[in-house]
């Protein structure tokens, strides 16, 4: 499939992101052929680019000064659901479970340290960041050829990538050591993140629809931060598309994220 196969309303930059996701999945499958290729992120973006209802979303976003790339990032961030609580544990069982988690984390740290498993996430992040940095540098240089750009002023400015936050997950062994030092499993949301941590509270984290509720809450929060409005219609359509469930209603969205 190529760019011409998508609807004419599908944003070009998000199509390029879909292509990168597929390329990344292929790259990591070649490095670890024993694992099934993970195309879930690419599949989700493909739905955002092809489902007819999303045409309304992509056309409305510019009205709120939300670029397609930013919105795509919001959707992906909203999909990073973490199961906050272990199932059906008494307070005593929970304390025992925490001890077991810490001991297991330290054992796993000792097993993976300095192996390919240890650096997998860090390598994946660096590959992606380097691709984006090169693209951003090319775009930055290309602006010099625009008649509307003041060359001297532009040369004094920094490329956009230099202002990007560093969210490198780092070595697995380091994260396991930090995990072993946590006081509760609820602190896992801050692991490996230095700044800008957002907290999404779920009343029923073990509910079958917990992941969807998390998605709705996070996406609503991100859109409200960016635009000052919850943009219920956009959240409803995007949630229905992401989870491939057209029955999701705006009433459900409001109930999940008041």
C-alpha atoms as a PDB file:
ATOM      1  CA  UNK A   1       0.000   0.000   0.000  1.00  0.00           C
ATOM      2  CA  UNK A   2       1.199   3.508  -0.797  1.00  0.00           C
ATOM      3  CA  UNK A   3       0.158   7.088  -0.130  1.00  0.00           C
ATOM      4  CA  UNK A   4      -2.234   7.101  -3.092  1.00  0.00           C
ATOM      5  CA  UNK A   5      -4.193   4.204  -1.580  1.00  0.00           C
ATOM      6  CA  UNK A   6      -5.412   6.331   1.339  1.00  0.00           C
ATOM      7  CA  UNK A   7      -8.450   8.664   1.248  1.00  0.00           C
ATOM      8  CA  UNK A   8      -7.609  12.188   0.070  1.00  0.00           C
ATOM      9  CA  UNK A   9      -8.509  13.557   3.517  1.00  0.00           C
ATOM     10  CA  UNK A  10      -5.888  11.400   5.300  1.00  0.00           C
ATOM     11  CA  UNK A  11      -3.044  13.641   6.581  1.00  0.00           C
ATOM     12  CA  UNK A  12       0.225  13.062   4.697  1.00  0.00           C
ATOM     13  CA  UNK A  13       2.398  13.314   7.820  1.00  0.00           C
ATOM     14  CA  UNK A  14       0.388  10.647   9.604  1.00  0.00           C
ATOM     15  CA  UNK A  15       0.618   8.394   6.536  1.00  0.00           C
ATOM     16  CA  UNK A  16       4.408   8.773   6.760  1.00  0.00           C
ATOM     17  CA  UNK A  17       4.179   7.863  10.445  1.00  0.00           C
ATOM     18  CA  UNK A  18       2.219   4.719   9.537  1.00  0.00           C
ATOM     19  CA  UNK A  19       4.950   3.785   7.065  1.00  0.00           C
ATOM     20  CA  UNK A  20       7.604   4.329   9.762  1.00  0.00           C
ATOM     21  CA  UNK A  21       5.706   2.100  12.195  1.00  0.00           C
ATOM     22  CA  UNK A  22       5.662  -0.715   9.630  1.00  0.00           C
ATOM     23  CA  UNK A  23       9.354  -0.156   8.882  1.00  0.00           C
ATOM     24  CA  UNK A  24      10.182  -0.265  12.596  1.00  0.00           C
ATOM     25  CA  UNK A  25       8.203  -3.502  13.057  1.00  0.00           C
ATOM     26  CA  UNK A  26      10.095  -5.082  10.169  1.00  0.00           C
ATOM     27  CA  UNK A  27      13.459  -3.881  11.511  1.00  0.00           C
ATOM     28  CA  UNK A  28      12.876  -5.359  14.982  1.00  0.00           C
ATOM     29  CA  UNK A  29      11.448  -8.579  13.544  1.00  0.00           C
ATOM     30  CA  UNK A  30      14.680  -9.026  11.587  1.00  0.00           C
ATOM     31  CA  UNK A  31      16.695  -8.507  14.787  1.00  0.00           C
ATOM     32  CA  UNK A  32      14.481 -10.820  16.865  1.00  0.00           C
ATOM     33  CA  UNK A  33      12.962 -13.255  14.311  1.00  0.00           C
ATOM     34  CA  UNK A  34      11.842 -15.598  17.090  1.00  0.00           C
ATOM     35  CA  UNK A  35       9.194 -13.021  18.078  1.00  0.00           C
ATOM     36  CA  UNK A  36       6.006 -12.296  16.168  1.00  0.00           C
ATOM     37  CA  UNK A  37       6.201  -8.917  14.368  1.00  0.00           C
ATOM     38  CA  UNK A  38       4.304  -6.288  16.356  1.00  0.00           C
ATOM     39  CA  UNK A  39       2.203  -4.226  13.944  1.00  0.00           C
ATOM     40  CA  UNK A  40      -0.438  -3.168  16.483  1.00  0.00           C
ATOM     41  CA  UNK A  41       0.646   0.505  16.440  1.00  0.00           C
ATOM     42  CA  UNK A  42       0.670   0.595  12.630  1.00  0.00           C
ATOM     43  CA  UNK A  43      -2.732  -1.118  12.509  1.00  0.00           C
ATOM     44  CA  UNK A  44      -4.233   1.468  14.874  1.00  0.00           C
ATOM     45  CA  UNK A  45      -2.857   4.368  12.833  1.00  0.00           C
ATOM     46  CA  UNK A  46      -4.165   2.715   9.655  1.00  0.00           C
ATOM     47  CA  UNK A  47      -7.683   2.753  11.109  1.00  0.00           C
ATOM     48  CA  UNK A  48      -7.296   6.453  11.962  1.00  0.00           C
ATOM     49  CA  UNK A  49      -6.315   7.094   8.332  1.00  0.00           C
ATOM     50  CA  UNK A  50      -9.002   5.039   6.599  1.00  0.00           C
ATOM     51  CA  UNK A  51     -12.204   4.819   8.665  1.00  0.00           C
ATOM     52  CA  UNK A  52     -14.706   7.211   7.109  1.00  0.00           C
ATOM     53  CA  UNK A  53     -15.796   8.735  10.432  1.00  0.00           C
ATOM     54  CA  UNK A  54     -12.243  10.003  11.010  1.00  0.00           C
ATOM     55  CA  UNK A  55     -12.661  12.368   8.065  1.00  0.00           C
ATOM     56  CA  UNK A  56     -14.651  14.635  10.408  1.00  0.00           C
ATOM     57  CA  UNK A  57     -11.916  14.528  13.051  1.00  0.00           C
ATOM     58  CA  UNK A  58      -9.020  15.391  10.730  1.00  0.00           C
ATOM     59  CA  UNK A  59     -11.017  18.265   9.215  1.00  0.00           C
ATOM     60  CA  UNK A  60     -11.977  19.748  12.598  1.00  0.00           C
ATOM     61  CA  UNK A  61      -8.558  19.615  14.277  1.00  0.00           C
ATOM     62  CA  UNK A  62      -7.074  22.683  12.466  1.00  0.00           C
ATOM     63  CA  UNK A  63      -9.905  24.767  13.930  1.00  0.00           C
ATOM     64  CA  UNK A  64      -8.380  24.108  17.361  1.00  0.00           C
ATOM     65  CA  UNK A  65      -4.760  24.540  16.191  1.00  0.00           C
ATOM     66  CA  UNK A  66      -4.037  20.841  16.705  1.00  0.00           C
ATOM     67  CA  UNK A  67      -1.772  19.465  13.979  1.00  0.00           C
ATOM     68  CA  UNK A  68      -2.308  15.908  12.661  1.00  0.00           C
ATOM     69  CA  UNK A  69       1.088  14.833  14.014  1.00  0.00           C
ATOM     70  CA  UNK A  70       0.300  16.179  17.490  1.00  0.00           C
ATOM     71  CA  UNK A  71      -3.075  14.457  17.519  1.00  0.00           C
ATOM     72  CA  UNK A  72      -1.524  11.183  16.399  1.00  0.00           C
ATOM     73  CA  UNK A  73       0.931  11.453  19.309  1.00  0.00           C
ATOM     74  CA  UNK A  74      -1.959  12.138  21.688  1.00  0.00           C
ATOM     75  CA  UNK A  75      -3.750   9.002  20.508  1.00  0.00           C
ATOM     76  CA  UNK A  76      -0.640   6.862  20.924  1.00  0.00           C
ATOM     77  CA  UNK A  77       0.052   8.263  24.389  1.00  0.00           C
ATOM     78  CA  UNK A  78      -3.551   7.541  25.361  1.00  0.00           C
ATOM     79  CA  UNK A  79      -3.138   3.908  24.313  1.00  0.00           C
ATOM     80  CA  UNK A  80      -0.277   3.273  26.764  1.00  0.00           C
ATOM     81  CA  UNK A  81      -2.479   1.698  29.411  1.00  0.00           C
ATOM     82  CA  UNK A  82      -0.936   0.162  32.525  1.00  0.00           C
ATOM     83  CA  UNK A  83      -2.898  -2.233  34.754  1.00  0.00           C
ATOM     84  CA  UNK A  84      -2.676  -0.289  37.986  1.00  0.00           C
ATOM     85  CA  UNK A  85      -3.715  -2.904  40.533  1.00  0.00           C
ATOM     86  CA  UNK A  86      -3.171  -6.654  40.943  1.00  0.00           C
ATOM     87  CA  UNK A  87      -6.413  -8.621  41.037  1.00  0.00           C
ATOM     88  CA  UNK A  88      -8.334  -9.431  44.215  1.00  0.00           C
ATOM     89  CA  UNK A  89      -5.599  -9.060  46.826  1.00  0.00           C
ATOM     90  CA  UNK A  90      -6.137  -8.433  50.508  1.00  0.00           C
ATOM     91  CA  UNK A  91      -3.854  -5.817  52.151  1.00  0.00           C
ATOM     92  CA  UNK A  92      -1.640  -8.610  53.509  1.00  0.00           C
ATOM     93  CA  UNK A  93      -1.503 -10.384  50.142  1.00  0.00           C
ATOM     94  CA  UNK A  94      -0.737  -7.075  48.466  1.00  0.00           C
ATOM     95  CA  UNK A  95       2.284  -6.462  50.736  1.00  0.00           C
ATOM     96  CA  UNK A  96       3.526  -9.997  50.058  1.00  0.00           C
ATOM     97  CA  UNK A  97       3.011  -9.485  46.339  1.00  0.00           C
ATOM     98  CA  UNK A  98       5.102  -6.294  46.418  1.00  0.00           C
ATOM     99  CA  UNK A  99       7.968  -8.152  48.080  1.00  0.00           C
ATOM    100  CA  UNK A 100       7.752 -10.852  45.411  1.00  0.00           C
ATOM    101  CA  UNK A 101       7.754  -8.233  42.639  1.00  0.00           C
ATOM    102  CA  UNK A 102      10.861  -6.535  44.033  1.00  0.00           C
ATOM    103  CA  UNK A 103      12.764  -9.791  44.469  1.00  0.00           C
ATOM    104  CA  UNK A 104      11.795 -10.930  40.963  1.00  0.00           C
ATOM    105  CA  UNK A 105      12.787  -7.577  39.456  1.00  0.00           C
ATOM    106  CA  UNK A 106      16.263  -7.836  40.971  1.00  0.00           C
ATOM    107  CA  UNK A 107      16.656 -11.427  39.741  1.00  0.00           C
ATOM    108  CA  UNK A 108      15.594 -10.408  36.233  1.00  0.00           C
ATOM    109  CA  UNK A 109      17.974  -7.437  36.354  1.00  0.00           C
ATOM    110  CA  UNK A 110      20.856  -9.792  37.092  1.00  0.00           C
ATOM    111  CA  UNK A 111      19.809 -12.077  34.231  1.00  0.00           C
ATOM    112  CA  UNK A 112      19.418  -9.462  31.469  1.00  0.00           C
ATOM    113  CA  UNK A 113      22.136  -6.975  32.408  1.00  0.00           C
ATOM    114  CA  UNK A 114      24.436  -6.241  29.420  1.00  0.00           C
ATOM    115  CA  UNK A 115      22.422  -8.537  27.126  1.00  0.00           C
ATOM    116  CA  UNK A 116      20.523  -7.516  23.974  1.00  0.00           C
ATOM    117  CA  UNK A 117      17.325  -7.673  26.018  1.00  0.00           C
ATOM    118  CA  UNK A 118      18.754  -5.024  28.332  1.00  0.00           C
ATOM    119  CA  UNK A 119      19.190  -2.411  25.609  1.00  0.00           C
ATOM    120  CA  UNK A 120      16.213  -3.320  23.394  1.00  0.00           C
ATOM    121  CA  UNK A 121      13.909  -0.455  24.426  1.00  0.00           C
ATOM    122  CA  UNK A 122      16.748   2.057  24.492  1.00  0.00           C
ATOM    123  CA  UNK A 123      17.890   1.052  20.983  1.00  0.00           C
ATOM    124  CA  UNK A 124      14.339   1.259  19.672  1.00  0.00           C
ATOM    125  CA  UNK A 125      13.976   4.746  21.105  1.00  0.00           C
ATOM    126  CA  UNK A 126      17.311   5.940  19.672  1.00  0.00           C
ATOM    127  CA  UNK A 127      16.535   4.590  16.196  1.00  0.00           C
ATOM    128  CA  UNK A 128      13.199   6.402  16.190  1.00  0.00           C
ATOM    129  CA  UNK A 129      14.629   9.623  17.649  1.00  0.00           C
ATOM    130  CA  UNK A 130      17.522   9.690  15.152  1.00  0.00           C
ATOM    131  CA  UNK A 131      15.087   9.262  12.248  1.00  0.00           C
ATOM    132  CA  UNK A 132      12.965  12.153  13.518  1.00  0.00           C
ATOM    133  CA  UNK A 133      16.018  14.329  14.200  1.00  0.00           C
ATOM    134  CA  UNK A 134      17.335  13.860  10.670  1.00  0.00           C
ATOM    135  CA  UNK A 135      13.929  14.658   9.223  1.00  0.00           C
ATOM    136  CA  UNK A 136      13.636  17.761  11.397  1.00  0.00           C
ATOM    137  CA  UNK A 137      17.136  18.939  10.427  1.00  0.00           C
ATOM    138  CA  UNK A 138      16.321  18.580   6.711  1.00  0.00           C
ATOM    139  CA  UNK A 139      13.089  20.547   7.174  1.00  0.00           C
ATOM    140  CA  UNK A 140      14.947  23.223   9.138  1.00  0.00           C
ATOM    141  CA  UNK A 141      17.597  23.655   6.410  1.00  0.00           C
ATOM    142  CA  UNK A 142      14.982  23.657   3.656  1.00  0.00           C
ATOM    143  CA  UNK A 143      13.364  26.728   5.221  1.00  0.00           C
ATOM    144  CA  UNK A 144      16.427  28.749   4.190  1.00  0.00           C
ATOM    145  CA  UNK A 145      15.230  28.569   0.591  1.00  0.00           C
ATOM    146  CA  UNK A 146      11.840  30.100   1.304  1.00  0.00           C
ATOM    147  CA  UNK A 147      11.558  33.773   0.230  1.00  0.00           C
ATOM    148  CA  UNK A 148       9.509  34.597   3.327  1.00  0.00           C
ATOM    149  CA  UNK A 149      12.236  33.464   5.751  1.00  0.00           C
ATOM    150  CA  UNK A 150      14.761  35.901   7.209  1.00  0.00           C
ATOM    151  CA  UNK A 151      18.011  33.954   6.697  1.00  0.00           C
ATOM    152  CA  UNK A 152      19.998  35.580   9.517  1.00  0.00           C
ATOM    153  CA  UNK A 153      17.173  35.218  11.988  1.00  0.00           C
ATOM    154  CA  UNK A 154      16.623  31.617  10.959  1.00  0.00           C
ATOM    155  CA  UNK A 155      20.314  30.738  11.354  1.00  0.00           C
ATOM    156  CA  UNK A 156      20.221  32.108  14.905  1.00  0.00           C
ATOM    157  CA  UNK A 157      17.267  29.882  15.808  1.00  0.00           C
ATOM    158  CA  UNK A 158      17.566  26.309  17.049  1.00  0.00           C
ATOM    159  CA  UNK A 159      16.083  23.337  15.184  1.00  0.00           C
ATOM    160  CA  UNK A 160      12.864  22.138  16.778  1.00  0.00           C
ATOM    161  CA  UNK A 161      14.342  18.768  17.825  1.00  0.00           C
ATOM    162  CA  UNK A 162      16.641  20.508  20.337  1.00  0.00           C
ATOM    163  CA  UNK A 163      13.568  21.419  22.368  1.00  0.00           C
ATOM    164  CA  UNK A 164      12.143  17.898  22.363  1.00  0.00           C
ATOM    165  CA  UNK A 165      11.864  16.251  25.812  1.00  0.00           C
ATOM    166  CA  UNK A 166      14.101  13.251  26.406  1.00  0.00           C
ATOM    167  CA  UNK A 167      11.830  10.279  27.131  1.00  0.00           C
ATOM    168  CA  UNK A 168      14.458   7.594  26.593  1.00  0.00           C
ATOM    169  CA  UNK A 169      13.318   4.486  28.512  1.00  0.00           C
ATOM    170  CA  UNK A 170      16.965   3.584  29.115  1.00  0.00           C
ATOM    171  CA  UNK A 171      18.286   0.148  30.014  1.00  0.00           C
ATOM    172  CA  UNK A 172      15.864  -2.499  31.185  1.00  0.00           C
ATOM    173  CA  UNK A 173      18.233  -3.421  34.020  1.00  0.00           C
ATOM    174  CA  UNK A 174      18.221   0.164  35.300  1.00  0.00           C
ATOM    175  CA  UNK A 175      14.423   0.298  35.206  1.00  0.00           C
ATOM    176  CA  UNK A 176      14.185  -3.031  37.004  1.00  0.00           C
ATOM    177  CA  UNK A 177      16.432  -1.674  39.755  1.00  0.00           C
ATOM    178  CA  UNK A 178      14.158   1.383  40.067  1.00  0.00           C
ATOM    179  CA  UNK A 179      11.108  -0.882  40.052  1.00  0.00           C
ATOM    180  CA  UNK A 180      12.501  -2.843  42.969  1.00  0.00           C
ATOM    181  CA  UNK A 181      12.796   0.413  44.941  1.00  0.00           C
ATOM    182  CA  UNK A 182       9.154   1.502  44.472  1.00  0.00           C
ATOM    183  CA  UNK A 183       6.848   1.528  47.481  1.00  0.00           C
ATOM    184  CA  UNK A 184       3.710   0.532  45.568  1.00  0.00           C
ATOM    185  CA  UNK A 185       2.636  -0.593  42.123  1.00  0.00           C
ATOM    186  CA  UNK A 186       0.786   2.717  41.644  1.00  0.00           C
ATOM    187  CA  UNK A 187       4.167   4.452  41.305  1.00  0.00           C
ATOM    188  CA  UNK A 188       4.979   2.489  38.140  1.00  0.00           C
ATOM    189  CA  UNK A 189       3.448   5.291  36.042  1.00  0.00           C
ATOM    190  CA  UNK A 190       6.407   7.540  36.850  1.00  0.00           C
ATOM    191  CA  UNK A 191       9.082   4.944  36.074  1.00  0.00           C
ATOM    192  CA  UNK A 192      11.574   6.222  33.495  1.00  0.00           C
ATOM    193  CA  UNK A 193       9.759   9.525  33.019  1.00  0.00           C
ATOM    194  CA  UNK A 194      11.590  12.606  34.307  1.00  0.00           C
ATOM    195  CA  UNK A 195       9.110  15.376  33.485  1.00  0.00           C
ATOM    196  CA  UNK A 196       5.534  15.954  32.455  1.00  0.00           C
ATOM    197  CA  UNK A 197       4.074  12.863  34.107  1.00  0.00           C
ATOM    198  CA  UNK A 198       0.291  12.755  33.803  1.00  0.00           C
ATOM    199  CA  UNK A 199      -1.891  10.800  36.157  1.00  0.00           C
ATOM    200  CA  UNK A 200      -5.100   9.134  35.057  1.00  0.00           C
ATOM    201  CA  UNK A 201      -7.204   7.630  37.842  1.00  0.00           C
ATOM    202  CA  UNK A 202      -9.515   4.685  37.156  1.00  0.00           C
ATOM    203  CA  UNK A 203     -12.272   3.830  39.645  1.00  0.00           C
ATOM    204  CA  UNK A 204     -12.402   0.256  38.319  1.00  0.00           C
ATOM    205  CA  UNK A 205      -8.930  -0.642  36.983  1.00  0.00           C
ATOM    206  CA  UNK A 206      -9.853  -4.339  36.694  1.00  0.00           C
ATOM    207  CA  UNK A 207     -12.991  -3.730  34.633  1.00  0.00           C
ATOM    208  CA  UNK A 208     -12.987  -5.333  31.132  1.00  0.00           C
ATOM    209  CA  UNK A 209     -13.250  -1.853  29.592  1.00  0.00           C
ATOM    210  CA  UNK A 210     -10.520  -0.310  31.766  1.00  0.00           C
ATOM    211  CA  UNK A 211      -8.146   0.181  28.840  1.00  0.00           C
ATOM    212  CA  UNK A 212     -10.832   2.018  26.881  1.00  0.00           C
ATOM    213  CA  UNK A 213     -11.683   4.190  29.884  1.00  0.00           C
ATOM    214  CA  UNK A 214      -8.009   5.045  30.298  1.00  0.00           C
ATOM    215  CA  UNK A 215      -7.808   5.964  26.606  1.00  0.00           C
ATOM    216  CA  UNK A 216     -10.847   8.244  26.855  1.00  0.00           C
ATOM    217  CA  UNK A 217      -9.611   9.966  30.016  1.00  0.00           C
ATOM    218  CA  UNK A 218      -6.091  10.517  28.722  1.00  0.00           C
ATOM    219  CA  UNK A 219      -7.111  11.730  25.257  1.00  0.00           C
ATOM    220  CA  UNK A 220      -9.692  14.091  26.779  1.00  0.00           C
ATOM    221  CA  UNK A 221      -7.067  15.423  29.193  1.00  0.00           C
ATOM    222  CA  UNK A 222      -4.498  15.972  26.429  1.00  0.00           C
ATOM    223  CA  UNK A 223      -7.005  17.751  24.186  1.00  0.00           C
ATOM    224  CA  UNK A 224      -8.202  19.919  27.070  1.00  0.00           C
ATOM    225  CA  UNK A 225      -4.589  20.908  27.834  1.00  0.00           C
ATOM    226  CA  UNK A 226      -3.974  21.798  24.176  1.00  0.00           C
ATOM    227  CA  UNK A 227      -7.248  23.551  23.346  1.00  0.00           C
ATOM    228  CA  UNK A 228      -9.012  24.376  26.613  1.00  0.00           C
ATOM    229  CA  UNK A 229     -11.924  22.138  25.539  1.00  0.00           C
ATOM    230  CA  UNK A 230     -12.648  18.405  25.975  1.00  0.00           C
ATOM    231  CA  UNK A 231     -13.738  18.040  22.301  1.00  0.00           C
ATOM    232  CA  UNK A 232     -16.195  15.229  23.071  1.00  0.00           C
ATOM    233  CA  UNK A 233     -17.125  14.482  19.454  1.00  0.00           C
ATOM    234  CA  UNK A 234     -13.483  14.070  18.439  1.00  0.00           C
ATOM    235  CA  UNK A 235     -12.775  11.821  21.435  1.00  0.00           C
ATOM    236  CA  UNK A 236     -15.873   9.709  20.701  1.00  0.00           C
ATOM    237  CA  UNK A 237     -15.074   9.146  17.019  1.00  0.00           C
ATOM    238  CA  UNK A 238     -11.392   8.489  17.707  1.00  0.00           C
ATOM    239  CA  UNK A 239     -12.146   6.020  20.513  1.00  0.00           C
ATOM    240  CA  UNK A 240     -14.662   4.159  18.352  1.00  0.00           C
ATOM    241  CA  UNK A 241     -12.085   3.996  15.556  1.00  0.00           C
ATOM    242  CA  UNK A 242      -9.114   3.025  17.708  1.00  0.00           C
ATOM    243  CA  UNK A 243     -11.030   0.193  19.394  1.00  0.00           C
ATOM    244  CA  UNK A 244     -12.883  -0.698  16.181  1.00  0.00           C
ATOM    245  CA  UNK A 245     -16.204  -0.364  18.006  1.00  0.00           C
ATOM    246  CA  UNK A 246     -18.700   1.964  16.270  1.00  0.00           C
ATOM    247  CA  UNK A 247     -21.230   1.519  19.093  1.00  0.00           C
ATOM    248  CA  UNK A 248     -19.295   3.819  21.459  1.00  0.00           C
ATOM    249  CA  UNK A 249     -21.374   6.937  22.177  1.00  0.00           C
ATOM    250  CA  UNK A 250     -20.622  10.452  23.350  1.00  0.00           C
ATOM    251  CA  UNK A 251     -22.634   9.712  26.500  1.00  0.00           C
ATOM    252  CA  UNK A 252     -20.192   6.923  27.367  1.00  0.00           C
ATOM    253  CA  UNK A 253     -17.276   9.270  26.759  1.00  0.00           C
ATOM    254  CA  UNK A 254     -18.729  11.938  29.053  1.00  0.00           C
ATOM    255  CA  UNK A 255     -19.382   9.328  31.734  1.00  0.00           C
ATOM    256  CA  UNK A 256     -15.778   8.080  31.506  1.00  0.00           C
ATOM    257  CA  UNK A 257     -14.221  11.555  31.444  1.00  0.00           C
ATOM    258  CA  UNK A 258     -16.638  14.097  33.012  1.00  0.00           C
END
